[in-house]
């Protein structure tokens, strides 16, 4: 398998260069990419260090490195571009077109870290994350009425990571409730979440995958037996269908895909 080095370089956290770069690399099969992320490359000195790193990598590789960057400062961007890697800058690709279309020059400076808007976004994230943590696995029904969505599912079906992703990325107050054996034996909704029927969303999973996950957590237990997993998943699905609760299968979906599906199905709006 061919091997290529891919650098994700940013003057901030690197999330933008990583996400956009990964979206492009996913389109190419048969190549093994060695990925390295360098955040906070925000000075001339750091940019020159990056060029040195890229050049060393290029000398030791059969093919030139790929460099995905999201650096706003033109001077720093030009220094990084002087390396022998294939440089793919998201600001170079889009800023000029936007300036032409909008008729306004870009300010070419790193975002206002302490602006009111950023503080509001930050506080919305923190509020949503705290809410999700305080309502994880049915810990408490206090303020549950303030939830935007309540995820239901058997143990280890992906509720917690999905809730936290919704909180971090969208500012959604997501709670989750684990379906217990007593819940699954009943024909009614669990007492804690029954008053919030319109906020419920179910998560299901293939029993074989569920067994693999549970086996890592509690090996060779009744909890991780395939028969237990099959029965619990079947009972959960019966509950979702009985009460007309929308649901998604987490087996082959990433948490990002799940979150988008939930946002659309529940008609939720991003808080920032």
Protein backbone atom coordinates (compact mmCIF):
# COMPACT_ATOMS: atom_id res chain seq x y z
CA UNK A 1 0.00 0.00 0.00
CA UNK A 2 1.31 3.46 -0.93
CA UNK A 3 2.23 5.70 1.99
CA UNK A 4 1.98 9.50 2.13
CA UNK A 5 2.57 12.02 4.89
CA UNK A 6 -0.24 14.50 5.56
CA UNK A 7 0.25 17.59 7.71
CA UNK A 8 -2.70 19.51 9.18
CA UNK A 9 -1.44 22.99 10.13
CA UNK A 10 -3.41 25.79 11.75
CA UNK A 11 -2.93 29.03 13.65
CA UNK A 12 -5.67 27.91 16.03
CA UNK A 13 -6.84 24.47 17.20
CA UNK A 14 -6.43 22.65 13.89
CA UNK A 15 -10.00 21.35 13.80
CA UNK A 16 -10.79 23.12 10.52
CA UNK A 17 -7.72 21.87 8.65
CA UNK A 18 -8.24 18.36 10.07
CA UNK A 19 -11.92 18.08 9.19
CA UNK A 20 -11.60 19.49 5.68
CA UNK A 21 -8.38 17.60 4.99
CA UNK A 22 -9.84 14.33 6.21
CA UNK A 23 -12.91 14.84 4.01
CA UNK A 24 -10.59 15.08 1.00
CA UNK A 25 -8.30 12.17 1.96
CA UNK A 26 -11.27 9.86 2.49
CA UNK A 27 -11.87 9.97 -1.25
CA UNK A 28 -8.66 8.07 -1.98
CA UNK A 29 -8.35 4.32 -1.42
CA UNK A 30 -5.21 2.22 -1.49
CA UNK A 31 -3.08 4.89 0.19
CA UNK A 32 -1.95 4.84 3.80
CA UNK A 33 -1.78 8.37 5.17
CA UNK A 34 0.44 9.21 8.13
CA UNK A 35 -1.36 12.17 9.66
CA UNK A 36 0.22 14.81 11.91
CA UNK A 37 -1.50 17.91 13.30
CA UNK A 38 0.30 21.12 14.28
CA UNK A 39 -2.01 23.66 15.95
CA UNK A 40 -1.23 27.27 16.96
CA UNK A 41 1.32 27.94 14.22
CA UNK A 42 0.74 31.66 14.68
CA UNK A 43 4.17 33.29 14.45
CA UNK A 44 6.86 33.62 11.80
CA UNK A 45 9.24 31.57 13.97
CA UNK A 46 6.78 28.69 14.30
CA UNK A 47 6.10 28.79 10.56
CA UNK A 48 9.82 28.43 9.83
CA UNK A 49 10.03 25.48 12.21
CA UNK A 50 7.15 23.89 10.30
CA UNK A 51 8.97 24.35 7.00
CA UNK A 52 12.00 22.61 8.50
CA UNK A 53 9.83 19.69 9.68
CA UNK A 54 8.15 19.36 6.28
CA UNK A 55 11.48 19.50 4.45
CA UNK A 56 12.97 16.76 6.65
CA UNK A 57 9.92 14.59 6.01
CA UNK A 58 10.15 15.22 2.27
CA UNK A 59 13.82 14.19 2.20
CA UNK A 60 13.01 10.88 3.91
CA UNK A 61 9.93 10.12 1.78
CA UNK A 62 9.44 8.81 -1.71
CA UNK A 63 6.72 11.41 -2.37
CA UNK A 64 6.29 14.99 -1.21
CA UNK A 65 4.11 15.55 1.89
CA UNK A 66 0.58 16.89 1.69
CA UNK A 67 0.07 20.10 3.67
CA UNK A 68 -3.47 21.12 4.60
CA UNK A 69 -3.48 24.53 6.26
CA UNK A 70 -5.95 26.98 7.74
CA UNK A 71 -3.62 29.89 8.48
CA UNK A 72 -5.15 33.34 8.26
CA UNK A 73 -2.08 35.61 8.40
CA UNK A 74 -0.78 35.98 4.79
CA UNK A 75 2.86 36.28 5.87
CA UNK A 76 2.79 33.10 7.95
CA UNK A 77 0.84 31.34 5.22
CA UNK A 78 3.46 32.24 2.60
CA UNK A 79 6.28 30.91 4.77
CA UNK A 80 4.56 27.54 5.16
CA UNK A 81 3.89 27.50 1.41
CA UNK A 82 7.61 27.83 0.74
CA UNK A 83 8.11 24.19 1.77
CA UNK A 84 8.34 21.49 -0.87
CA UNK A 85 5.07 19.88 0.19
CA UNK A 86 1.86 20.12 -1.80
CA UNK A 87 0.26 23.05 -0.03
CA UNK A 88 -3.55 23.19 0.14
CA UNK A 89 -4.69 26.34 1.90
CA UNK A 90 -8.39 26.79 2.61
CA UNK A 91 -7.99 30.54 2.90
CA UNK A 92 -6.14 30.78 -0.42
CA UNK A 93 -8.90 28.71 -2.02
CA UNK A 94 -11.84 30.80 -0.86
CA UNK A 95 -10.88 34.25 0.46
CA UNK A 96 -10.21 35.93 -2.90
CA UNK A 97 -13.49 34.70 -4.36
CA UNK A 98 -15.40 35.92 -1.31
CA UNK A 99 -13.68 39.31 -1.38
CA UNK A 100 -14.70 39.71 -5.03
CA UNK A 101 -18.26 38.59 -4.40
CA UNK A 102 -18.80 40.65 -1.23
CA UNK A 103 -16.87 43.70 -2.35
CA UNK A 104 -15.14 43.89 1.04
CA UNK A 105 -11.50 42.99 1.77
CA UNK A 106 -10.88 40.21 4.30
CA UNK A 107 -9.25 41.41 7.51
CA UNK A 108 -6.68 38.57 7.41
CA UNK A 109 -6.38 38.31 11.17
CA UNK A 110 -7.10 35.57 13.66
CA UNK A 111 -10.64 35.66 15.06
CA UNK A 112 -11.57 37.86 17.99
CA UNK A 113 -11.07 35.35 20.79
CA UNK A 114 -12.79 37.45 23.44
CA UNK A 115 -15.69 38.91 21.49
CA UNK A 116 -19.20 38.86 22.96
CA UNK A 117 -20.32 36.45 20.23
CA UNK A 118 -17.53 34.00 21.05
CA UNK A 119 -18.31 34.19 24.77
CA UNK A 120 -21.94 33.40 24.05
CA UNK A 121 -20.93 30.39 21.96
CA UNK A 122 -18.55 29.21 24.64
CA UNK A 123 -21.14 29.56 27.39
CA UNK A 124 -23.75 27.76 25.27
CA UNK A 125 -21.35 24.85 24.81
CA UNK A 126 -20.43 24.66 28.49
CA UNK A 127 -24.08 24.89 29.56
CA UNK A 128 -25.06 22.10 27.18
CA UNK A 129 -22.14 19.86 28.18
CA UNK A 130 -22.88 20.32 31.89
CA UNK A 131 -26.53 19.51 31.23
CA UNK A 132 -25.62 16.31 29.37
CA UNK A 133 -23.19 15.21 32.09
CA UNK A 134 -25.78 15.88 34.80
CA UNK A 135 -28.37 13.85 32.91
CA UNK A 136 -26.18 10.97 31.76
CA UNK A 137 -27.57 7.44 32.12
CA UNK A 138 -30.69 8.65 33.93
CA UNK A 139 -28.70 10.10 36.84
CA UNK A 140 -31.40 12.63 37.66
CA UNK A 141 -34.72 13.90 36.41
CA UNK A 142 -34.06 17.37 37.84
CA UNK A 143 -34.65 19.99 35.14
CA UNK A 144 -35.26 17.22 32.60
CA UNK A 145 -38.04 19.40 31.24
CA UNK A 146 -35.30 21.69 29.90
CA UNK A 147 -33.82 18.97 27.69
CA UNK A 148 -33.94 19.53 23.95
CA UNK A 149 -33.80 15.78 23.33
CA UNK A 150 -33.66 12.62 25.46
CA UNK A 151 -31.89 9.62 23.95
CA UNK A 152 -33.12 6.17 24.97
CA UNK A 153 -31.43 2.84 24.39
CA UNK A 154 -29.99 -0.26 25.97
CA UNK A 155 -26.66 -0.05 27.77
CA UNK A 156 -23.67 0.64 25.46
CA UNK A 157 -25.71 1.63 22.44
CA UNK A 158 -23.92 4.97 22.02
CA UNK A 159 -26.06 7.36 24.06
CA UNK A 160 -23.37 9.21 26.02
CA UNK A 161 -20.94 10.08 23.19
CA UNK A 162 -23.85 11.20 21.01
CA UNK A 163 -25.19 13.46 23.76
CA UNK A 164 -21.80 15.04 24.34
CA UNK A 165 -21.26 15.59 20.62
CA UNK A 166 -24.66 17.29 20.33
CA UNK A 167 -23.71 19.52 23.27
CA UNK A 168 -20.25 20.43 22.00
CA UNK A 169 -21.06 20.96 18.34
CA UNK A 170 -24.59 22.35 18.49
CA UNK A 171 -25.17 23.54 22.06
CA UNK A 172 -28.02 21.03 22.38
CA UNK A 173 -29.11 20.06 25.90
CA UNK A 174 -29.19 16.30 25.38
CA UNK A 175 -30.05 13.87 28.18
CA UNK A 176 -29.98 10.10 27.96
CA UNK A 177 -31.81 7.29 29.66
CA UNK A 178 -30.61 3.64 29.78
CA UNK A 179 -33.35 1.07 29.31
CA UNK A 180 -33.17 -1.41 32.19
CA UNK A 181 -34.55 -4.99 32.17
CA UNK A 182 -37.56 -3.74 34.18
CA UNK A 183 -38.21 -1.02 31.60
CA UNK A 184 -37.98 -3.53 28.76
CA UNK A 185 -40.46 -5.91 30.40
CA UNK A 186 -43.06 -3.16 30.68
CA UNK A 187 -45.44 -2.10 27.93
CA UNK A 188 -45.32 1.48 29.19
CA UNK A 189 -42.62 4.12 28.87
CA UNK A 190 -40.19 4.47 31.80
CA UNK A 191 -41.60 6.70 34.53
CA UNK A 192 -38.75 9.23 34.41
CA UNK A 193 -39.11 10.05 30.72
CA UNK A 194 -42.82 9.43 30.17
CA UNK A 195 -43.79 13.11 30.70
CA UNK A 196 -41.42 14.08 27.89
CA UNK A 197 -42.68 11.74 25.20
CA UNK A 198 -42.23 14.32 22.42
CA UNK A 199 -38.52 14.75 23.25
CA UNK A 200 -37.60 11.05 23.09
CA UNK A 201 -35.33 9.56 20.43
CA UNK A 202 -34.23 5.94 20.40
CA UNK A 203 -30.85 4.41 19.64
CA UNK A 204 -30.55 0.79 18.61
CA UNK A 205 -27.61 -1.39 17.58
CA UNK A 206 -26.97 -4.79 16.04
CA UNK A 207 -26.82 -7.42 18.82
CA UNK A 208 -23.52 -8.84 17.54
CA UNK A 209 -21.84 -5.44 17.73
CA UNK A 210 -23.39 -4.81 21.15
CA UNK A 211 -21.96 -8.09 22.41
CA UNK A 212 -18.47 -7.09 21.24
CA UNK A 213 -18.69 -3.79 23.13
CA UNK A 214 -20.08 -5.37 26.29
CA UNK A 215 -17.57 -8.20 26.18
CA UNK A 216 -14.78 -5.63 26.47
CA UNK A 217 -16.49 -4.07 29.48
CA UNK A 218 -17.63 -7.22 31.32
CA UNK A 219 -16.11 -10.34 29.74
CA UNK A 220 -18.06 -13.60 29.88
CA UNK A 221 -20.94 -12.16 31.89
CA UNK A 222 -24.69 -12.53 31.43
CA UNK A 223 -24.63 -8.84 30.50
CA UNK A 224 -22.40 -9.57 27.50
CA UNK A 225 -24.04 -12.78 26.26
CA UNK A 226 -25.33 -12.64 22.70
CA UNK A 227 -28.73 -13.93 23.83
CA UNK A 228 -29.01 -11.09 26.35
CA UNK A 229 -28.05 -8.55 23.70
CA UNK A 230 -30.56 -9.95 21.21
CA UNK A 231 -33.41 -9.91 23.75
CA UNK A 232 -32.67 -6.38 24.97
CA UNK A 233 -32.37 -4.94 21.46
CA UNK A 234 -35.61 -6.65 20.38
CA UNK A 235 -37.48 -5.37 23.45
CA UNK A 236 -36.15 -1.85 22.95
CA UNK A 237 -37.22 -1.86 19.31
CA UNK A 238 -40.67 -3.06 20.34
CA UNK A 239 -40.91 -0.14 22.78
CA UNK A 240 -39.87 2.40 20.15
CA UNK A 241 -42.43 1.09 17.68
CA UNK A 242 -45.19 0.73 20.29
CA UNK A 243 -44.88 4.38 21.29
CA UNK A 244 -43.94 5.69 17.84
CA UNK A 245 -40.54 6.95 18.99
CA UNK A 246 -38.13 7.82 16.15
CA UNK A 247 -34.88 5.89 16.30
CA UNK A 248 -31.56 5.28 14.54
CA UNK A 249 -29.20 2.32 14.33
CA UNK A 250 -25.76 3.24 15.67
CA UNK A 251 -23.93 0.16 14.35
CA UNK A 252 -22.50 1.67 11.17
CA UNK A 253 -22.99 5.36 11.84
CA UNK A 254 -20.40 7.78 13.17
CA UNK A 255 -21.37 10.02 16.06
CA UNK A 256 -21.30 12.95 13.60
CA UNK A 257 -23.85 11.25 11.33
CA UNK A 258 -26.04 10.31 14.28
CA UNK A 259 -26.04 13.86 15.55
CA UNK A 260 -27.13 15.27 12.20
CA UNK A 261 -29.90 12.68 11.90
CA UNK A 262 -31.14 13.53 15.38
CA UNK A 263 -31.04 17.26 14.69
CA UNK A 264 -33.14 16.78 11.57
CA UNK A 265 -35.58 14.23 12.96
CA UNK A 266 -36.26 16.26 16.12
CA UNK A 267 -36.19 19.61 14.27
CA UNK A 268 -33.55 20.98 16.61
CA UNK A 269 -31.69 24.23 15.93
CA UNK A 270 -28.04 24.95 16.65
CA UNK A 271 -27.70 27.28 19.64
CA UNK A 272 -24.76 29.27 18.28
